[in-house]
Each structure stands twice: as C-alpha cells, then as structure tokens.
Amino acid sequence: MTKVNSKKKNIVVIGGGTGTYTILTGLKKYPLNLSVIVSMMDSGGSNRIIRDEFGLLPTSDLRQCIVALASDKSSDVLRNLFTYRYENGTGISGMTFGNLFMAALADIYKSQKKALEKTFEMLEVKGKIIPVTYDKTNLVARYENGNQILGEHEIDQPDEELGEMKIVELGVFPEAQANPDAINAIKEADAVVLGPGDFFTSILCNVVVPGIAEAIRSSKAKKIFIMNLMTKFGQTNDFKASDFLREIEKYIGEGVVDYVLINKKLKLPKLALEKYKEEKATLVKDDVKDNHIKVVREDLISGTIFEKVKSDRLARSLIRHDPDKLAKAVVSLLRQ
C-alpha cells in the first residue's frame, strides 16, 4: 500500500457524473490526498447494458473519475479512448470504449474490483476512486403523489407527468451496505465535498446508502456543499438554494454542512437560456442567508457552453462550473 504523505490534506469528494469530473479535474492540480466516493446506481444508457447483459455494477461514473484523475504522464491516447463514444454499430452505439474496456477486464480477472484496480494502474490515477457500495442495488424514489419509482435512469429522466411531482423520499432497494473503504475515507478526511451534480441521482444517491450519512455526521472534516447552477426537471423543479440545503440536511442532518459555495449572479447566453427553457430548467435563485452554514459567493462558472456528442443518448448540462475556480475556492476553505 502506498504511504500517505501526512503533510497533505485529505479531501473526499462525494458524487458522480459531470459535476464530480469537474471538481476532480481542478483539485488534482493541488498537493492533496484525493479520494472520490462514486455512485453505483446508474441504470441508463450504456450502464443498462453493463448491468443487464454483463451482470456488473455500472461503470460510467467511475470512468469519468478515472479520466479526471488520470496522471498527466498517462497516454493521451488512453484518456481519449476512455471517453470515446461509439456512434455506429448494432448494440454498441452510444457505448463508451472505457465501459467496454472495464467490462472486458472484469471478465478476464473474474472480479470487477480487480478490473478497476488494473484500470487505475494503467492510467496512473492520482487519488483513490471508491465505489460507494459493491452491492447490486437500485435507487428508489417516492413522490408526493405516493408513487414509487425504481431505477436511477427513470428518476433522472421521468415522463412529463411524474416529472412535475416532488421527490419526498429517496432510498436504495434491495438493501445495500456502504463500502468500508468509503467509510474510512470519510473518517480520515479533512474536508468532505458534496456536489456539484444531479442532486438526487448523483449526490444524494450516495448519502442514502446505509452508513454514509452516519460517517459524514461523525467525521471531523469540514463539510462543503457546492450549489448547482441550474434546476433540473424531475428532480429539483423550481428549487431555490434554500431548498437544496433543506433537502441535504434532511438526509445528513441539520447543522452538518459547514460551508456552501454558490456562484455569483450571472447572465446566461441566449442560446443556453433557450435550451434550458426547453428542458424546463432555471437558474438556481440564491436566497440563502448566513445562519448555521457559512455562505461563500464567488465567480465559479465556466465561460464555455458544452455540447454533447450525437451518440450520447442522455441529457447533459450546457453550463458548468469552472474546474480551476471551483478547486481554488474549496482549497481556500480547507486552509481557513
């Protein structure tokens, strides 16, 4: 086992997806001991095939973290391959090379955990990437009308009628237990960072795995929540910043979060506004006041409007946080 440099601070990021990729890309430039606890409930796109046909845990969120934390010394070819998404081919259109690569390794070594270790070695990953659980489980949400929906993808991209409903309870089914490595990482952390990302399906889906919320509450780490830039239809309809905080405290406890990072007021380009209007998404209104949580407002947004590749069948965010601005803000809080 690699000896940990005691002079470096331990930062644990909890999440999955593009938001986690963004914060990790920035943080890896600092002298930190980085760990990321990754959601294992994804059931859409290529992950549906990975789960249903290969019998494996989903790998897309893991893959994004691998690419984010890959050493600068690792081959550009390898990093590009891991993000490459097939546009053609019956059965593989929409799949990524990285997901297929890890599925092949899991078959070769007869162990998905071993396959991940080999992948980390190959790309010289800078930090620890920790699945929140190795149990095969699904995300389940209960809505204000009493309906329950099983499956991360169905929660993430609901039909029009269900998408208007508020999620009142989130959990996992069947029962799952947190990965002991995840619990230990939180216990030893100097800072625990939640977000940014899809609120229920990338962030809170980790917190509801039994053992994780308890570990966060008992940890002496600074707890930092990064506020999303936009609402998302079906998850955070009409949410203001205070609504996000209320929900996160519902699952990890009131007074647990120490800091919330919020982007300063911004004006979106017309193209982005039009696209978000089509998706029934709006800017998150900053209505938070300093109370038991310290509010930090800074310019955290990227100037780039992101477009997804044609073969990607899932909805993606158009505007995102800037990796370097976000990392600088987090490290500044860590040093206080």
Protein backbone atom coordinates (compact mmCIF):
# COMPACT_ATOMS: atom_id res chain seq x y z
CA MET A 1 0.00 0.00 0.00
CA THR A 2 1.28 3.48 -0.88
CA LYS A 3 2.41 5.51 2.12
CA VAL A 4 0.26 8.60 2.58
CA ASN A 5 2.04 11.94 2.87
CA SER A 6 0.95 13.21 6.29
CA LYS A 7 1.59 16.83 5.25
CA LYS A 8 -1.10 16.66 2.59
CA LYS A 9 -4.73 17.30 3.45
CA ASN A 10 -7.27 14.56 2.78
CA ILE A 11 -10.19 15.64 0.62
CA VAL A 12 -13.12 13.33 -0.13
CA VAL A 13 -15.50 14.22 -2.96
CA ILE A 14 -18.89 12.51 -2.99
CA GLY A 15 -20.89 12.35 -6.20
CA GLY A 16 -20.77 11.08 -9.75
CA GLY A 17 -21.16 12.30 -13.30
CA THR A 18 -20.01 15.51 -14.94
CA GLY A 19 -20.06 17.64 -11.78
CA THR A 20 -17.69 15.31 -9.97
CA TYR A 21 -15.44 15.13 -13.04
CA THR A 22 -15.25 18.93 -12.98
CA ILE A 23 -14.23 19.34 -9.34
CA LEU A 24 -11.72 16.48 -9.52
CA THR A 25 -10.08 17.96 -12.62
CA GLY A 26 -9.35 21.11 -10.66
CA LEU A 27 -8.40 19.56 -7.32
CA LYS A 28 -5.85 17.13 -8.76
CA LYS A 29 -3.57 20.10 -9.54
CA TYR A 30 -3.07 20.69 -5.80
CA PRO A 31 -0.85 18.72 -3.38
CA LEU A 32 -3.74 16.81 -1.80
CA ASN A 33 -4.63 13.25 -0.91
CA LEU A 34 -7.75 12.95 -3.07
CA SER A 35 -10.48 10.36 -2.74
CA VAL A 36 -13.79 10.23 -4.54
CA ILE A 37 -16.79 8.16 -3.44
CA VAL A 38 -18.78 7.28 -6.53
CA SER A 39 -22.42 6.42 -7.09
CA MET A 40 -23.11 2.85 -8.23
CA MET A 41 -26.82 3.13 -9.09
CA ASP A 42 -26.65 4.43 -12.67
CA SER A 43 -29.07 2.45 -14.84
CA GLY A 44 -29.34 4.47 -18.05
CA GLY A 45 -27.55 4.50 -21.38
CA SER A 46 -24.61 2.10 -21.64
CA ASN A 47 -24.88 1.29 -17.94
CA ARG A 48 -28.14 -0.53 -18.58
CA ILE A 49 -26.22 -2.91 -20.83
CA ILE A 50 -23.34 -3.17 -18.34
CA ARG A 51 -25.80 -4.13 -15.61
CA ASP A 52 -28.34 -6.23 -17.51
CA GLU A 53 -26.16 -8.04 -20.06
CA PHE A 54 -22.77 -8.19 -18.32
CA GLY A 55 -24.11 -8.55 -14.78
CA LEU A 56 -21.73 -5.87 -13.50
CA LEU A 57 -22.04 -2.73 -11.44
CA PRO A 58 -22.34 0.45 -13.56
CA THR A 59 -19.04 2.00 -14.63
CA SER A 60 -19.80 5.36 -16.31
CA ASP A 61 -19.32 7.47 -13.17
CA LEU A 62 -16.19 5.51 -12.33
CA ARG A 63 -14.89 6.08 -15.85
CA GLN A 64 -15.36 9.84 -15.63
CA CYS A 65 -13.45 9.90 -12.33
CA ILE A 66 -10.67 7.79 -13.85
CA VAL A 67 -10.26 10.22 -16.73
CA ALA A 68 -10.37 13.22 -14.37
CA LEU A 69 -7.69 11.80 -12.09
CA ALA A 70 -5.51 10.16 -14.73
CA SER A 71 -1.90 11.21 -14.41
CA ASP A 72 -0.63 13.82 -16.85
CA LYS A 73 2.06 11.25 -17.65
CA SER A 74 -0.50 8.71 -18.84
CA SER A 75 -1.04 8.43 -22.56
CA ASP A 76 -3.32 10.97 -24.26
CA VAL A 77 -4.42 8.09 -26.47
CA LEU A 78 -5.64 6.13 -23.45
CA ARG A 79 -7.52 9.10 -21.98
CA ASN A 80 -9.15 9.81 -25.33
CA LEU A 81 -10.09 6.17 -25.75
CA PHE A 82 -11.77 6.07 -22.35
CA THR A 83 -14.04 8.97 -23.30
CA TYR A 84 -14.69 7.77 -26.87
CA ARG A 85 -18.34 7.01 -27.55
CA TYR A 86 -19.33 4.77 -30.46
CA GLU A 87 -21.74 6.37 -32.93
CA ASN A 88 -22.27 3.30 -35.11
CA GLY A 89 -22.62 -0.42 -34.65
CA THR A 90 -25.61 -2.51 -33.66
CA GLY A 91 -25.60 -2.98 -29.91
CA ILE A 92 -22.66 -0.67 -29.18
CA SER A 93 -23.90 2.69 -30.49
CA GLY A 94 -23.85 5.06 -27.53
CA MET A 95 -21.44 2.87 -25.56
CA THR A 96 -18.06 4.19 -24.45
CA PHE A 97 -14.79 2.40 -25.02
CA GLY A 98 -13.92 2.85 -21.34
CA ASN A 99 -17.00 0.99 -20.14
CA LEU A 100 -16.39 -1.89 -22.55
CA PHE A 101 -12.72 -2.00 -21.58
CA MET A 102 -13.55 -2.35 -17.88
CA ALA A 103 -16.20 -4.99 -18.64
CA ALA A 104 -13.58 -6.99 -20.56
CA LEU A 105 -11.11 -6.75 -17.67
CA ALA A 106 -13.78 -7.88 -15.22
CA ASP A 107 -14.29 -10.98 -17.35
CA ILE A 108 -10.56 -11.63 -17.63
CA TYR A 109 -9.91 -11.31 -13.89
CA LYS A 110 -13.31 -12.66 -12.81
CA SER A 111 -13.57 -9.70 -10.48
CA GLN A 112 -14.86 -6.20 -11.11
CA LYS A 113 -12.86 -4.88 -8.16
CA LYS A 114 -9.65 -6.29 -9.64
CA ALA A 115 -10.57 -4.85 -13.04
CA LEU A 116 -10.90 -1.40 -11.50
CA GLU A 117 -7.53 -1.72 -9.77
CA LYS A 118 -5.85 -2.64 -13.05
CA THR A 119 -7.52 0.29 -14.81
CA PHE A 120 -6.32 2.69 -12.11
CA GLU A 121 -2.79 1.37 -12.55
CA MET A 122 -2.88 1.67 -16.33
CA LEU A 123 -3.94 5.33 -16.29
CA GLU A 124 -1.80 6.13 -13.22
CA VAL A 125 -4.77 7.54 -11.34
CA LYS A 126 -3.83 10.29 -8.90
CA GLY A 127 -6.02 9.54 -5.90
CA LYS A 128 -8.48 6.89 -4.75
CA ILE A 129 -11.69 6.11 -6.60
CA ILE A 130 -14.05 4.31 -4.25
CA PRO A 131 -17.39 2.75 -5.25
CA VAL A 132 -19.92 3.72 -2.58
CA THR A 133 -21.01 0.06 -2.42
CA TYR A 134 -20.23 -3.23 -4.12
CA ASP A 135 -23.76 -4.48 -3.52
CA LYS A 136 -26.07 -4.65 -6.54
CA THR A 137 -28.81 -2.23 -5.69
CA ASN A 138 -31.10 0.35 -7.26
CA LEU A 139 -32.17 3.85 -6.40
CA VAL A 140 -35.82 4.20 -5.42
CA ALA A 141 -37.77 7.45 -5.08
CA ARG A 142 -41.17 8.11 -3.53
CA TYR A 143 -43.10 11.09 -4.89
CA GLU A 144 -45.64 13.43 -3.32
CA ASN A 145 -48.49 11.58 -5.05
CA GLY A 146 -47.44 8.33 -3.36
CA ASN A 147 -45.91 6.71 -6.45
CA GLN A 148 -42.59 4.92 -6.13
CA ILE A 149 -40.12 4.62 -8.99
CA LEU A 150 -37.28 2.09 -9.07
CA GLY A 151 -34.15 2.85 -11.10
CA GLU A 152 -31.76 5.80 -11.35
CA HIS A 153 -32.45 6.44 -15.03
CA GLU A 154 -36.22 6.51 -14.57
CA ILE A 155 -35.79 9.00 -11.69
CA ASP A 156 -33.25 11.07 -13.63
CA GLN A 157 -35.35 11.35 -16.78
CA PRO A 158 -39.00 10.81 -15.81
CA ASP A 159 -42.04 11.16 -18.04
CA GLU A 160 -43.81 14.53 -18.16
CA GLU A 161 -46.47 13.73 -15.56
CA LEU A 162 -44.14 12.24 -12.97
CA GLY A 163 -41.54 14.93 -13.64
CA GLU A 164 -43.89 17.56 -12.24
CA MET A 165 -44.02 15.75 -8.90
CA LYS A 166 -41.75 16.39 -5.92
CA ILE A 167 -39.48 13.64 -4.58
CA VAL A 168 -40.23 13.22 -0.88
CA GLU A 169 -38.11 10.18 -0.04
CA LEU A 170 -35.02 8.56 -1.54
CA GLY A 171 -33.52 5.18 -0.76
CA VAL A 172 -31.99 2.02 -2.17
CA PHE A 173 -33.52 -1.38 -2.92
CA PRO A 174 -32.57 -4.07 -2.27
CA GLU A 175 -30.66 -3.27 0.90
CA ALA A 176 -27.02 -2.35 0.45
CA GLN A 177 -24.13 -1.59 2.75
CA ALA A 178 -21.51 1.07 2.30
CA ASN A 179 -18.07 0.06 1.06
CA PRO A 180 -15.80 0.05 4.18
CA ASP A 181 -13.17 1.95 2.15
CA ALA A 182 -15.70 4.76 1.70
CA ILE A 183 -16.43 4.91 5.43
CA ASN A 184 -12.71 5.02 6.26
CA ALA A 185 -12.04 7.75 3.69
CA ILE A 186 -14.74 9.97 5.23
CA LYS A 187 -13.47 9.23 8.74
CA GLU A 188 -9.92 10.33 7.83
CA ALA A 189 -10.94 13.35 5.71
CA ASP A 190 -10.01 16.94 6.40
CA ALA A 191 -12.78 18.03 4.04
CA VAL A 192 -15.81 16.29 2.55
CA VAL A 193 -17.15 17.89 -0.64
CA LEU A 194 -20.70 17.16 -1.83
CA GLY A 195 -21.55 18.15 -5.39
CA PRO A 196 -21.99 19.63 -7.84
CA GLY A 197 -24.14 17.31 -9.92
CA ASP A 198 -27.64 15.91 -10.38
CA PHE A 199 -28.93 16.38 -6.88
CA PHE A 200 -30.85 13.17 -6.23
CA THR A 201 -29.23 10.82 -8.75
CA SER A 202 -25.54 11.78 -8.40
CA ILE A 203 -25.17 13.22 -4.89
CA LEU A 204 -27.92 12.09 -2.51
CA CYS A 205 -27.91 8.59 -4.02
CA ASN A 206 -24.57 8.10 -2.24
CA VAL A 207 -25.77 9.58 1.03
CA VAL A 208 -28.75 7.21 1.30
CA VAL A 209 -26.54 4.12 1.20
CA PRO A 210 -26.65 2.95 4.84
CA GLY A 211 -23.51 4.02 6.67
CA ILE A 212 -22.55 7.03 4.54
CA ALA A 213 -24.68 9.73 6.19
CA GLU A 214 -23.64 8.46 9.61
CA ALA A 215 -19.96 8.63 8.61
CA ILE A 216 -20.38 12.22 7.36
CA ARG A 217 -22.09 13.30 10.57
CA SER A 218 -19.40 11.78 12.80
CA SER A 219 -16.44 12.96 10.71
CA LYS A 220 -14.40 15.91 11.99
CA ALA A 221 -13.91 17.06 8.39
CA LYS A 222 -15.14 20.38 7.07
CA LYS A 223 -18.30 19.63 5.09
CA ILE A 224 -18.64 21.67 1.91
CA PHE A 225 -21.69 21.66 -0.35
CA ILE A 226 -21.34 23.06 -3.86
CA MET A 227 -24.63 24.54 -5.04
CA ASN A 228 -25.82 23.60 -8.51
CA LEU A 229 -26.08 26.33 -11.14
CA MET A 230 -29.40 25.17 -12.61
CA THR A 231 -32.51 23.32 -11.52
CA LYS A 232 -33.39 20.05 -13.24
CA PHE A 233 -36.82 18.93 -14.37
CA GLY A 234 -37.98 15.89 -12.46
CA GLN A 235 -35.59 16.38 -9.57
CA THR A 236 -35.33 19.98 -8.44
CA ASN A 237 -38.21 21.77 -10.15
CA ASP A 238 -38.30 25.43 -9.04
CA PHE A 239 -35.72 24.76 -6.31
CA LYS A 240 -34.08 27.79 -4.74
CA ALA A 241 -30.74 27.46 -2.98
CA SER A 242 -32.50 27.11 0.38
CA ASP A 243 -34.46 24.12 -0.98
CA PHE A 244 -31.23 22.31 -1.88
CA LEU A 245 -29.87 22.92 1.61
CA ARG A 246 -33.10 21.81 3.27
CA GLU A 247 -33.04 18.54 1.35
CA ILE A 248 -29.39 17.77 2.02
CA GLU A 249 -29.93 18.42 5.73
CA LYS A 250 -32.91 16.09 5.61
CA TYR A 251 -30.57 13.22 4.72
CA ILE A 252 -27.36 14.06 6.61
CA GLY A 253 -28.68 16.16 9.46
CA GLU A 254 -29.18 19.82 10.29
CA GLY A 255 -26.00 21.73 11.04
CA VAL A 256 -23.72 19.12 9.47
CA VAL A 257 -22.80 21.19 6.39
CA ASP A 258 -20.28 23.89 7.33
CA TYR A 259 -19.97 25.78 4.04
CA VAL A 260 -22.00 26.25 0.88
CA LEU A 261 -20.31 27.51 -2.26
CA ILE A 262 -22.64 29.50 -4.51
CA ASN A 263 -21.87 31.03 -7.86
CA LYS A 264 -22.41 34.78 -8.03
CA LYS A 265 -25.28 36.08 -10.11
CA LEU A 266 -24.76 35.50 -13.81
CA LYS A 267 -26.44 36.18 -17.11
CA LEU A 268 -26.69 33.22 -19.45
CA PRO A 269 -26.18 33.47 -23.20
CA LYS A 270 -29.42 33.48 -25.17
CA LEU A 271 -28.69 30.08 -26.74
CA ALA A 272 -28.25 28.45 -23.33
CA LEU A 273 -31.40 30.09 -21.96
CA GLU A 274 -33.47 28.83 -24.87
CA LYS A 275 -32.20 25.27 -24.48
CA TYR A 276 -32.73 25.25 -20.73
CA LYS A 277 -36.25 26.63 -21.20
CA GLU A 278 -36.99 23.62 -23.43
CA GLU A 279 -35.75 21.37 -20.62
CA LYS A 280 -37.85 23.26 -18.02
CA ALA A 281 -34.70 24.25 -16.14
CA THR A 282 -34.00 27.61 -14.50
CA LEU A 283 -31.14 29.32 -12.70
CA VAL A 284 -30.97 28.44 -9.01
CA LYS A 285 -32.03 31.54 -7.08
CA ASP A 286 -29.67 32.44 -4.26
CA ASP A 287 -31.90 33.03 -1.24
CA VAL A 288 -29.56 31.65 1.45
CA LYS A 289 -28.64 33.69 4.50
CA ASP A 290 -25.69 33.04 6.81
CA ASN A 291 -27.10 31.08 9.69
CA HIS A 292 -25.52 27.83 10.85
CA ILE A 293 -23.96 27.48 7.39
CA LYS A 294 -21.26 29.82 6.09
CA VAL A 295 -22.18 31.02 2.59
CA VAL A 296 -19.32 31.71 0.17
CA ARG A 297 -20.23 33.51 -3.05
CA GLU A 298 -17.66 33.60 -5.85
CA ASP A 299 -17.38 33.54 -9.62
CA LEU A 300 -17.35 29.78 -10.19
CA ILE A 301 -18.80 29.36 -13.67
CA SER A 302 -17.09 28.27 -16.88
CA GLY A 303 -17.42 30.53 -19.90
CA THR A 304 -17.92 27.52 -22.19
CA ILE A 305 -21.29 26.23 -23.38
CA PHE A 306 -20.95 22.46 -23.60
CA GLU A 307 -22.48 20.37 -26.36
CA LYS A 308 -22.81 16.60 -26.09
CA VAL A 309 -21.79 14.21 -28.88
CA LYS A 310 -24.57 12.92 -31.13
CA SER A 311 -24.23 9.33 -29.94
CA ASP A 312 -24.80 10.30 -26.30
CA ARG A 313 -28.43 9.50 -25.51
CA LEU A 314 -28.56 11.09 -22.07
CA ALA A 315 -29.30 14.69 -21.12
CA ARG A 316 -26.18 16.72 -20.25
CA SER A 317 -25.60 20.13 -18.66
CA LEU A 318 -24.87 23.03 -21.00
CA ILE A 319 -23.21 25.32 -18.49
CA ARG A 320 -20.85 24.04 -15.83
CA HIS A 321 -18.60 25.13 -13.04
CA ASP A 322 -15.04 26.03 -13.94
CA PRO A 323 -12.69 23.32 -12.55
CA ASP A 324 -9.92 25.71 -11.52
CA LYS A 325 -12.21 28.31 -9.92
CA LEU A 326 -14.06 25.62 -8.02
CA ALA A 327 -10.90 23.90 -6.78
CA LYS A 328 -9.36 27.20 -5.69
CA ALA A 329 -12.48 28.03 -3.63
CA VAL A 330 -12.52 24.59 -1.97
CA VAL A 331 -8.79 24.67 -1.13
CA SER A 332 -9.21 28.18 0.29
CA LEU A 333 -11.87 26.87 2.70
CA LEU A 334 -9.65 23.95 3.63
CA ARG A 335 -6.85 26.33 4.62
CA GLN A 336 -9.04 28.53 6.83
